[in-house]
Amino acid sequence: MKKLFTPLLLIVAAMFAYAPVMIANAPYESSMGLVQKIFYFHVPSWFVMFTAVFICGIQSANFLFRRKPSADRIAVAAGELVVLFGLLGLVTGPLWGRKAWGVWWQWDARLTMALLLELIFIGYLLVRKYGGPGSEKLAAAMAIFGMANVPFVYVSVNIWRTVHPKTTVVPSLVPGMFGAFWFSVLAFMLLFVLLLTLRVRLEHQRAALDELYLAEEDL
């Protein structure tokens, strides 16, 4: 991964530099006009958030049941990215909603459940930071619980009446929007891979440093 990191970084930088050009050239949505273009940042950020949630939850289960320290390091790295990209989604959503719906926020099913999911992973990080000895296990259980909520967040717009668009929006995109959207998704996903790689590496280095301190104390 070390050899691929620099080329991947350059690719991601180029994609984010070119993404505004594709988005600007994408067709306008008939009813919302220019403000709809927030879609190309809002939805990919949630894609990345959900991916990070599943990585955090799966690796937390791996740590909880198989006692793998490396799995816990991946989990905490992914957990931080859940909060980061979730916050991006929660900021871009109201900016879009203010123009599309006339209000900054609606306490409907999708928005409320997405906010709760974000709060679960903020709690996950707080438990790890301030929970004391054994807090990693409690935090791992919280991550698994958060992961179990993702399907409900996704299908909520199809079950309950909500102002939020249904999950059929993405498959129904016109060709000009379709290409720009998936280009943005790929750019966000590659950025996520880069950030996750950096955070996992940092966690491994912290663990190695802790081992050196323990070895020094034993001398």
C-alpha atoms as a PDB file:
ATOM      1  CA  MET A   1       0.000   0.000   0.000  1.00  0.00           C
ATOM      2  CA  LYS A   2       2.945   2.352   0.631  1.00  0.00           C
ATOM      3  CA  LYS A   3       3.918   2.233  -3.062  1.00  0.00           C
ATOM      4  CA  LEU A   4       0.333   2.875  -4.155  1.00  0.00           C
ATOM      5  CA  PHE A   5      -0.323   5.690  -1.710  1.00  0.00           C
ATOM      6  CA  THR A   6       1.312   8.544  -3.647  1.00  0.00           C
ATOM      7  CA  PRO A   7      -0.216   7.618  -7.049  1.00  0.00           C
ATOM      8  CA  LEU A   8      -3.609   7.172  -5.391  1.00  0.00           C
ATOM      9  CA  LEU A   9      -3.251  10.546  -3.680  1.00  0.00           C
ATOM     10  CA  LEU A  10      -2.555  12.197  -7.036  1.00  0.00           C
ATOM     11  CA  ILE A  11      -5.550  10.446  -8.607  1.00  0.00           C
ATOM     12  CA  VAL A  12      -7.861  11.579  -5.802  1.00  0.00           C
ATOM     13  CA  ALA A  13      -6.574  15.159  -6.033  1.00  0.00           C
ATOM     14  CA  ALA A  14      -7.127  15.171  -9.809  1.00  0.00           C
ATOM     15  CA  MET A  15     -10.626  13.712  -9.435  1.00  0.00           C
ATOM     16  CA  PHE A  16     -11.677  16.324  -6.871  1.00  0.00           C
ATOM     17  CA  ALA A  17     -10.218  19.057  -9.063  1.00  0.00           C
ATOM     18  CA  TYR A  18     -12.192  17.813 -12.083  1.00  0.00           C
ATOM     19  CA  ALA A  19     -15.411  16.935 -10.216  1.00  0.00           C
ATOM     20  CA  PRO A  20     -16.725  20.556 -10.209  1.00  0.00           C
ATOM     21  CA  VAL A  21     -16.372  20.623 -13.999  1.00  0.00           C
ATOM     22  CA  MET A  22     -18.470  17.463 -14.388  1.00  0.00           C
ATOM     23  CA  ILE A  23     -21.018  18.716 -11.881  1.00  0.00           C
ATOM     24  CA  ALA A  24     -21.280  22.106 -13.596  1.00  0.00           C
ATOM     25  CA  ASN A  25     -21.861  20.407 -16.952  1.00  0.00           C
ATOM     26  CA  ALA A  26     -24.471  17.992 -15.566  1.00  0.00           C
ATOM     27  CA  PRO A  27     -28.097  18.838 -16.458  1.00  0.00           C
ATOM     28  CA  TYR A  28     -30.185  20.925 -14.084  1.00  0.00           C
ATOM     29  CA  GLU A  29     -32.963  19.165 -12.204  1.00  0.00           C
ATOM     30  CA  SER A  30     -36.294  20.484 -13.505  1.00  0.00           C
ATOM     31  CA  SER A  31     -37.845  21.531 -10.175  1.00  0.00           C
ATOM     32  CA  MET A  32     -34.856  22.449  -7.965  1.00  0.00           C
ATOM     33  CA  GLY A  33     -32.423  23.913 -10.463  1.00  0.00           C
ATOM     34  CA  LEU A  34     -28.918  24.823  -9.318  1.00  0.00           C
ATOM     35  CA  VAL A  35     -29.339  23.829  -5.662  1.00  0.00           C
ATOM     36  CA  GLN A  36     -29.791  20.177  -6.681  1.00  0.00           C
ATOM     37  CA  LYS A  37     -26.072  20.022  -7.453  1.00  0.00           C
ATOM     38  CA  ILE A  38     -25.397  19.692  -3.703  1.00  0.00           C
ATOM     39  CA  PHE A  39     -26.608  16.134  -4.381  1.00  0.00           C
ATOM     40  CA  TYR A  40     -23.188  15.285  -5.877  1.00  0.00           C
ATOM     41  CA  PHE A  41     -21.522  15.928  -2.512  1.00  0.00           C
ATOM     42  CA  HIS A  42     -24.314  15.057  -0.103  1.00  0.00           C
ATOM     43  CA  VAL A  43     -25.096  11.523  -1.263  1.00  0.00           C
ATOM     44  CA  PRO A  44     -21.464  10.364  -1.794  1.00  0.00           C
ATOM     45  CA  SER A  45     -20.633  11.503   1.738  1.00  0.00           C
ATOM     46  CA  TRP A  46     -23.387   9.205   3.054  1.00  0.00           C
ATOM     47  CA  PHE A  47     -22.117   6.357   0.868  1.00  0.00           C
ATOM     48  CA  VAL A  48     -18.725   6.730   2.512  1.00  0.00           C
ATOM     49  CA  MET A  49     -20.276   7.047   5.973  1.00  0.00           C
ATOM     50  CA  PHE A  50     -22.206   3.788   5.555  1.00  0.00           C
ATOM     51  CA  THR A  51     -19.075   2.032   4.255  1.00  0.00           C
ATOM     52  CA  ALA A  52     -17.128   3.260   7.282  1.00  0.00           C
ATOM     53  CA  VAL A  53     -19.931   2.120   9.610  1.00  0.00           C
ATOM     54  CA  PHE A  54     -19.793  -1.417   8.226  1.00  0.00           C
ATOM     55  CA  ILE A  55     -15.988  -1.538   8.462  1.00  0.00           C
ATOM     56  CA  CYS A  56     -16.104  -0.261  12.038  1.00  0.00           C
ATOM     57  CA  GLY A  57     -18.882  -2.684  13.002  1.00  0.00           C
ATOM     58  CA  ILE A  58     -17.343  -5.761  11.382  1.00  0.00           C
ATOM     59  CA  GLN A  59     -13.888  -5.070  12.793  1.00  0.00           C
ATOM     60  CA  SER A  60     -15.403  -4.346  16.218  1.00  0.00           C
ATOM     61  CA  ALA A  61     -17.097  -7.759  16.126  1.00  0.00           C
ATOM     62  CA  ASN A  62     -13.774  -9.285  15.079  1.00  0.00           C
ATOM     63  CA  PHE A  63     -12.100  -7.638  18.071  1.00  0.00           C
ATOM     64  CA  LEU A  64     -14.904  -8.483  20.500  1.00  0.00           C
ATOM     65  CA  PHE A  65     -15.188 -12.177  19.650  1.00  0.00           C
ATOM     66  CA  ARG A  66     -11.695 -13.032  18.377  1.00  0.00           C
ATOM     67  CA  ARG A  67      -9.631 -10.617  20.513  1.00  0.00           C
ATOM     68  CA  LYS A  68      -7.638  -9.203  17.606  1.00  0.00           C
ATOM     69  CA  PRO A  69      -5.952  -5.890  18.545  1.00  0.00           C
ATOM     70  CA  SER A  70      -5.361  -5.071  14.869  1.00  0.00           C
ATOM     71  CA  ALA A  71      -9.112  -5.269  14.248  1.00  0.00           C
ATOM     72  CA  ASP A  72      -9.721  -2.733  17.013  1.00  0.00           C
ATOM     73  CA  ARG A  73      -7.250  -0.334  15.411  1.00  0.00           C
ATOM     74  CA  ILE A  74      -9.076  -0.536  12.092  1.00  0.00           C
ATOM     75  CA  ALA A  75     -12.398  -0.086  13.892  1.00  0.00           C
ATOM     76  CA  VAL A  76     -11.405   3.117  15.670  1.00  0.00           C
ATOM     77  CA  ALA A  77      -9.927   4.544  12.467  1.00  0.00           C
ATOM     78  CA  ALA A  78     -13.164   3.807  10.595  1.00  0.00           C
ATOM     79  CA  GLY A  79     -15.225   5.156  13.501  1.00  0.00           C
ATOM     80  CA  GLU A  80     -13.565   8.549  13.242  1.00  0.00           C
ATOM     81  CA  LEU A  81     -14.324   8.648   9.515  1.00  0.00           C
ATOM     82  CA  VAL A  82     -17.967   7.773  10.215  1.00  0.00           C
ATOM     83  CA  VAL A  83     -18.233  10.940  12.266  1.00  0.00           C
ATOM     84  CA  LEU A  84     -16.325  13.039   9.706  1.00  0.00           C
ATOM     85  CA  PHE A  85     -18.342  12.053   6.641  1.00  0.00           C
ATOM     86  CA  GLY A  86     -21.572  11.882   8.624  1.00  0.00           C
ATOM     87  CA  LEU A  87     -21.029  15.496   9.661  1.00  0.00           C
ATOM     88  CA  LEU A  88     -20.467  16.422   6.017  1.00  0.00           C
ATOM     89  CA  GLY A  89     -23.789  14.789   5.134  1.00  0.00           C
ATOM     90  CA  LEU A  90     -25.589  16.544   7.995  1.00  0.00           C
ATOM     91  CA  VAL A  91     -24.239  19.924   6.863  1.00  0.00           C
ATOM     92  CA  THR A  92     -24.913  19.574   3.130  1.00  0.00           C
ATOM     93  CA  GLY A  93     -28.378  18.094   3.729  1.00  0.00           C
ATOM     94  CA  PRO A  94     -29.880  21.153   5.490  1.00  0.00           C
ATOM     95  CA  LEU A  95     -28.221  23.476   2.950  1.00  0.00           C
ATOM     96  CA  TRP A  96     -30.056  21.579   0.240  1.00  0.00           C
ATOM     97  CA  GLY A  97     -33.248  21.213   2.265  1.00  0.00           C
ATOM     98  CA  ARG A  98     -33.509  24.945   2.989  1.00  0.00           C
ATOM     99  CA  LYS A  99     -33.891  25.659  -0.723  1.00  0.00           C
ATOM    100  CA  ALA A 100     -35.805  22.525  -1.683  1.00  0.00           C
ATOM    101  CA  TRP A 101     -38.256  22.315   1.271  1.00  0.00           C
ATOM    102  CA  GLY A 102     -38.167  25.839   2.690  1.00  0.00           C
ATOM    103  CA  VAL A 103     -36.848  24.647   6.081  1.00  0.00           C
ATOM    104  CA  TRP A 104     -33.418  23.725   7.417  1.00  0.00           C
ATOM    105  CA  TRP A 105     -34.574  20.541   9.153  1.00  0.00           C
ATOM    106  CA  GLN A 106     -37.519  18.151   9.279  1.00  0.00           C
ATOM    107  CA  TRP A 107     -37.838  15.546  12.011  1.00  0.00           C
ATOM    108  CA  ASP A 108     -38.848  12.853   9.551  1.00  0.00           C
ATOM    109  CA  ALA A 109     -37.684   9.242   9.629  1.00  0.00           C
ATOM    110  CA  ARG A 110     -34.574   9.457   7.407  1.00  0.00           C
ATOM    111  CA  LEU A 111     -33.155  12.648   8.874  1.00  0.00           C
ATOM    112  CA  THR A 112     -33.801  11.677  12.476  1.00  0.00           C
ATOM    113  CA  MET A 113     -32.336   8.182  12.094  1.00  0.00           C
ATOM    114  CA  ALA A 114     -29.284   9.539  10.283  1.00  0.00           C
ATOM    115  CA  LEU A 115     -28.705  11.995  13.120  1.00  0.00           C
ATOM    116  CA  LEU A 116     -29.050   9.195  15.679  1.00  0.00           C
ATOM    117  CA  LEU A 117     -26.518   7.106  13.751  1.00  0.00           C
ATOM    118  CA  GLU A 118     -24.065  10.012  13.841  1.00  0.00           C
ATOM    119  CA  LEU A 119     -24.619  10.414  17.586  1.00  0.00           C
ATOM    120  CA  ILE A 120     -24.028   6.687  18.180  1.00  0.00           C
ATOM    121  CA  PHE A 121     -20.569   6.953  16.649  1.00  0.00           C
ATOM    122  CA  ILE A 122     -19.768  10.188  18.444  1.00  0.00           C
ATOM    123  CA  GLY A 123     -20.640   8.232  21.587  1.00  0.00           C
ATOM    124  CA  TYR A 124     -18.408   5.392  20.361  1.00  0.00           C
ATOM    125  CA  LEU A 125     -15.412   7.751  20.199  1.00  0.00           C
ATOM    126  CA  LEU A 126     -16.224   9.355  23.559  1.00  0.00           C
ATOM    127  CA  VAL A 127     -16.471   5.952  25.268  1.00  0.00           C
ATOM    128  CA  ARG A 128     -13.090   4.955  23.848  1.00  0.00           C
ATOM    129  CA  LYS A 129     -11.544   8.241  24.954  1.00  0.00           C
ATOM    130  CA  TYR A 130     -12.994   8.592  28.455  1.00  0.00           C
ATOM    131  CA  GLY A 131     -14.449   5.197  29.349  1.00  0.00           C
ATOM    132  CA  GLY A 132     -11.406   3.889  31.193  1.00  0.00           C
ATOM    133  CA  PRO A 133     -10.123   0.276  31.226  1.00  0.00           C
ATOM    134  CA  GLY A 134     -12.212  -2.096  29.156  1.00  0.00           C
ATOM    135  CA  SER A 135     -13.957   0.710  27.299  1.00  0.00           C
ATOM    136  CA  GLU A 136     -12.836  -0.762  23.970  1.00  0.00           C
ATOM    137  CA  LYS A 137     -15.240  -3.675  24.453  1.00  0.00           C
ATOM    138  CA  LEU A 138     -18.184  -1.417  25.288  1.00  0.00           C
ATOM    139  CA  ALA A 139     -17.353   0.785  22.313  1.00  0.00           C
ATOM    140  CA  ALA A 140     -17.170  -2.289  20.067  1.00  0.00           C
ATOM    141  CA  ALA A 141     -20.692  -3.253  21.119  1.00  0.00           C
ATOM    142  CA  MET A 142     -21.863   0.283  20.305  1.00  0.00           C
ATOM    143  CA  ALA A 143     -20.304   0.037  16.832  1.00  0.00           C
ATOM    144  CA  ILE A 144     -22.103  -3.247  16.152  1.00  0.00           C
ATOM    145  CA  PHE A 145     -25.376  -1.653  17.292  1.00  0.00           C
ATOM    146  CA  GLY A 146     -24.721   1.307  14.989  1.00  0.00           C
ATOM    147  CA  MET A 147     -24.030  -1.010  12.063  1.00  0.00           C
ATOM    148  CA  ALA A 148     -27.345  -2.783  12.661  1.00  0.00           C
ATOM    149  CA  ASN A 149     -29.124   0.563  12.233  1.00  0.00           C
ATOM    150  CA  VAL A 150     -27.791   1.268   8.730  1.00  0.00           C
ATOM    151  CA  PRO A 151     -30.413  -0.799   6.822  1.00  0.00           C
ATOM    152  CA  PHE A 152     -33.203   0.988   8.718  1.00  0.00           C
ATOM    153  CA  VAL A 153     -31.724   4.395   7.851  1.00  0.00           C
ATOM    154  CA  TYR A 154     -31.520   3.403   4.194  1.00  0.00           C
ATOM    155  CA  VAL A 155     -35.044   1.974   3.759  1.00  0.00           C
ATOM    156  CA  SER A 156     -36.803   4.422   6.095  1.00  0.00           C
ATOM    157  CA  VAL A 157     -37.836   6.669   3.196  1.00  0.00           C
ATOM    158  CA  ASN A 158     -39.552   3.717   1.520  1.00  0.00           C
ATOM    159  CA  ILE A 159     -41.482   2.699   4.660  1.00  0.00           C
ATOM    160  CA  TRP A 160     -42.604   5.978   6.260  1.00  0.00           C
ATOM    161  CA  ARG A 161     -43.965   9.153   4.709  1.00  0.00           C
ATOM    162  CA  THR A 162     -41.084  11.599   4.492  1.00  0.00           C
ATOM    163  CA  VAL A 163     -40.031  14.758   2.679  1.00  0.00           C
ATOM    164  CA  HIS A 164     -36.732  13.091   1.850  1.00  0.00           C
ATOM    165  CA  PRO A 165     -36.466  11.540  -1.652  1.00  0.00           C
ATOM    166  CA  LYS A 166     -36.819   7.759  -1.863  1.00  0.00           C
ATOM    167  CA  THR A 167     -34.042   5.321  -2.714  1.00  0.00           C
ATOM    168  CA  THR A 168     -35.230   5.209  -6.340  1.00  0.00           C
ATOM    169  CA  VAL A 169     -33.610   8.586  -7.073  1.00  0.00           C
ATOM    170  CA  VAL A 170     -30.133   7.278  -7.946  1.00  0.00           C
ATOM    171  CA  PRO A 171     -31.279   4.526 -10.385  1.00  0.00           C
ATOM    172  CA  SER A 172     -33.516   7.038 -12.159  1.00  0.00           C
ATOM    173  CA  LEU A 173     -30.803   9.625 -12.875  1.00  0.00           C
ATOM    174  CA  VAL A 174     -30.554  10.847 -16.463  1.00  0.00           C
ATOM    175  CA  PRO A 175     -27.280  10.035 -18.300  1.00  0.00           C
ATOM    176  CA  GLY A 176     -25.613  13.430 -17.694  1.00  0.00           C
ATOM    177  CA  MET A 177     -26.368  13.265 -13.965  1.00  0.00           C
ATOM    178  CA  PHE A 178     -25.546   9.558 -13.731  1.00  0.00           C
ATOM    179  CA  GLY A 179     -21.925   9.958 -14.852  1.00  0.00           C
ATOM    180  CA  ALA A 180     -21.230  12.992 -12.662  1.00  0.00           C
ATOM    181  CA  PHE A 181     -22.783  11.299  -9.645  1.00  0.00           C
ATOM    182  CA  TRP A 182     -20.795   8.071  -9.852  1.00  0.00           C
ATOM    183  CA  PHE A 183     -17.614  10.021 -10.590  1.00  0.00           C
ATOM    184  CA  SER A 184     -18.193  11.908  -7.330  1.00  0.00           C
ATOM    185  CA  VAL A 185     -18.916   8.673  -5.464  1.00  0.00           C
ATOM    186  CA  LEU A 186     -15.658   7.149  -6.715  1.00  0.00           C
ATOM    187  CA  ALA A 187     -13.693  10.272  -5.709  1.00  0.00           C
ATOM    188  CA  PHE A 188     -15.182  10.176  -2.197  1.00  0.00           C
ATOM    189  CA  MET A 189     -14.550   6.452  -1.830  1.00  0.00           C
ATOM    190  CA  LEU A 190     -10.911   6.770  -2.879  1.00  0.00           C
ATOM    191  CA  LEU A 191     -10.502   9.655  -0.440  1.00  0.00           C
ATOM    192  CA  PHE A 192     -11.943   7.410   2.257  1.00  0.00           C
ATOM    193  CA  VAL A 193      -9.413   4.676   1.406  1.00  0.00           C
ATOM    194  CA  LEU A 194      -6.556   7.173   1.729  1.00  0.00           C
ATOM    195  CA  LEU A 195      -7.764   8.545   5.054  1.00  0.00           C
ATOM    196  CA  LEU A 196      -8.452   5.097   6.465  1.00  0.00           C
ATOM    197  CA  THR A 197      -4.988   3.916   5.442  1.00  0.00           C
ATOM    198  CA  LEU A 198      -3.364   6.884   7.187  1.00  0.00           C
ATOM    199  CA  ARG A 199      -5.397   6.429  10.379  1.00  0.00           C
ATOM    200  CA  VAL A 200      -4.766   2.686  10.585  1.00  0.00           C
ATOM    201  CA  ARG A 201      -1.046   3.277  10.092  1.00  0.00           C
ATOM    202  CA  LEU A 202      -1.102   5.842  12.896  1.00  0.00           C
ATOM    203  CA  GLU A 203      -2.864   3.369  15.215  1.00  0.00           C
ATOM    204  CA  HIS A 204      -0.251   0.690  14.447  1.00  0.00           C
ATOM    205  CA  GLN A 205       2.539   3.162  15.196  1.00  0.00           C
ATOM    206  CA  ARG A 206       0.896   4.124  18.491  1.00  0.00           C
ATOM    207  CA  ALA A 207       0.650   0.448  19.449  1.00  0.00           C
ATOM    208  CA  ALA A 208       4.317  -0.099  18.589  1.00  0.00           C
ATOM    209  CA  LEU A 209       5.287   2.949  20.669  1.00  0.00           C
ATOM    210  CA  ASP A 210       3.266   1.647  23.631  1.00  0.00           C
ATOM    211  CA  GLU A 211       5.110  -1.659  23.403  1.00  0.00           C
ATOM    212  CA  LEU A 212       8.440   0.178  23.486  1.00  0.00           C
ATOM    213  CA  TYR A 213       7.384   2.073  26.612  1.00  0.00           C
ATOM    214  CA  LEU A 214       6.336  -1.167  28.320  1.00  0.00           C
ATOM    215  CA  ALA A 215       9.609  -2.822  27.357  1.00  0.00           C
ATOM    216  CA  GLU A 216      11.538   0.149  28.754  1.00  0.00           C
ATOM    217  CA  GLU A 217       9.643  -0.050  32.055  1.00  0.00           C
ATOM    218  CA  ASP A 218      10.491  -3.756  32.393  1.00  0.00           C
ATOM    219  CA  LEU A 219      14.226  -3.089  32.184  1.00  0.00           C
END
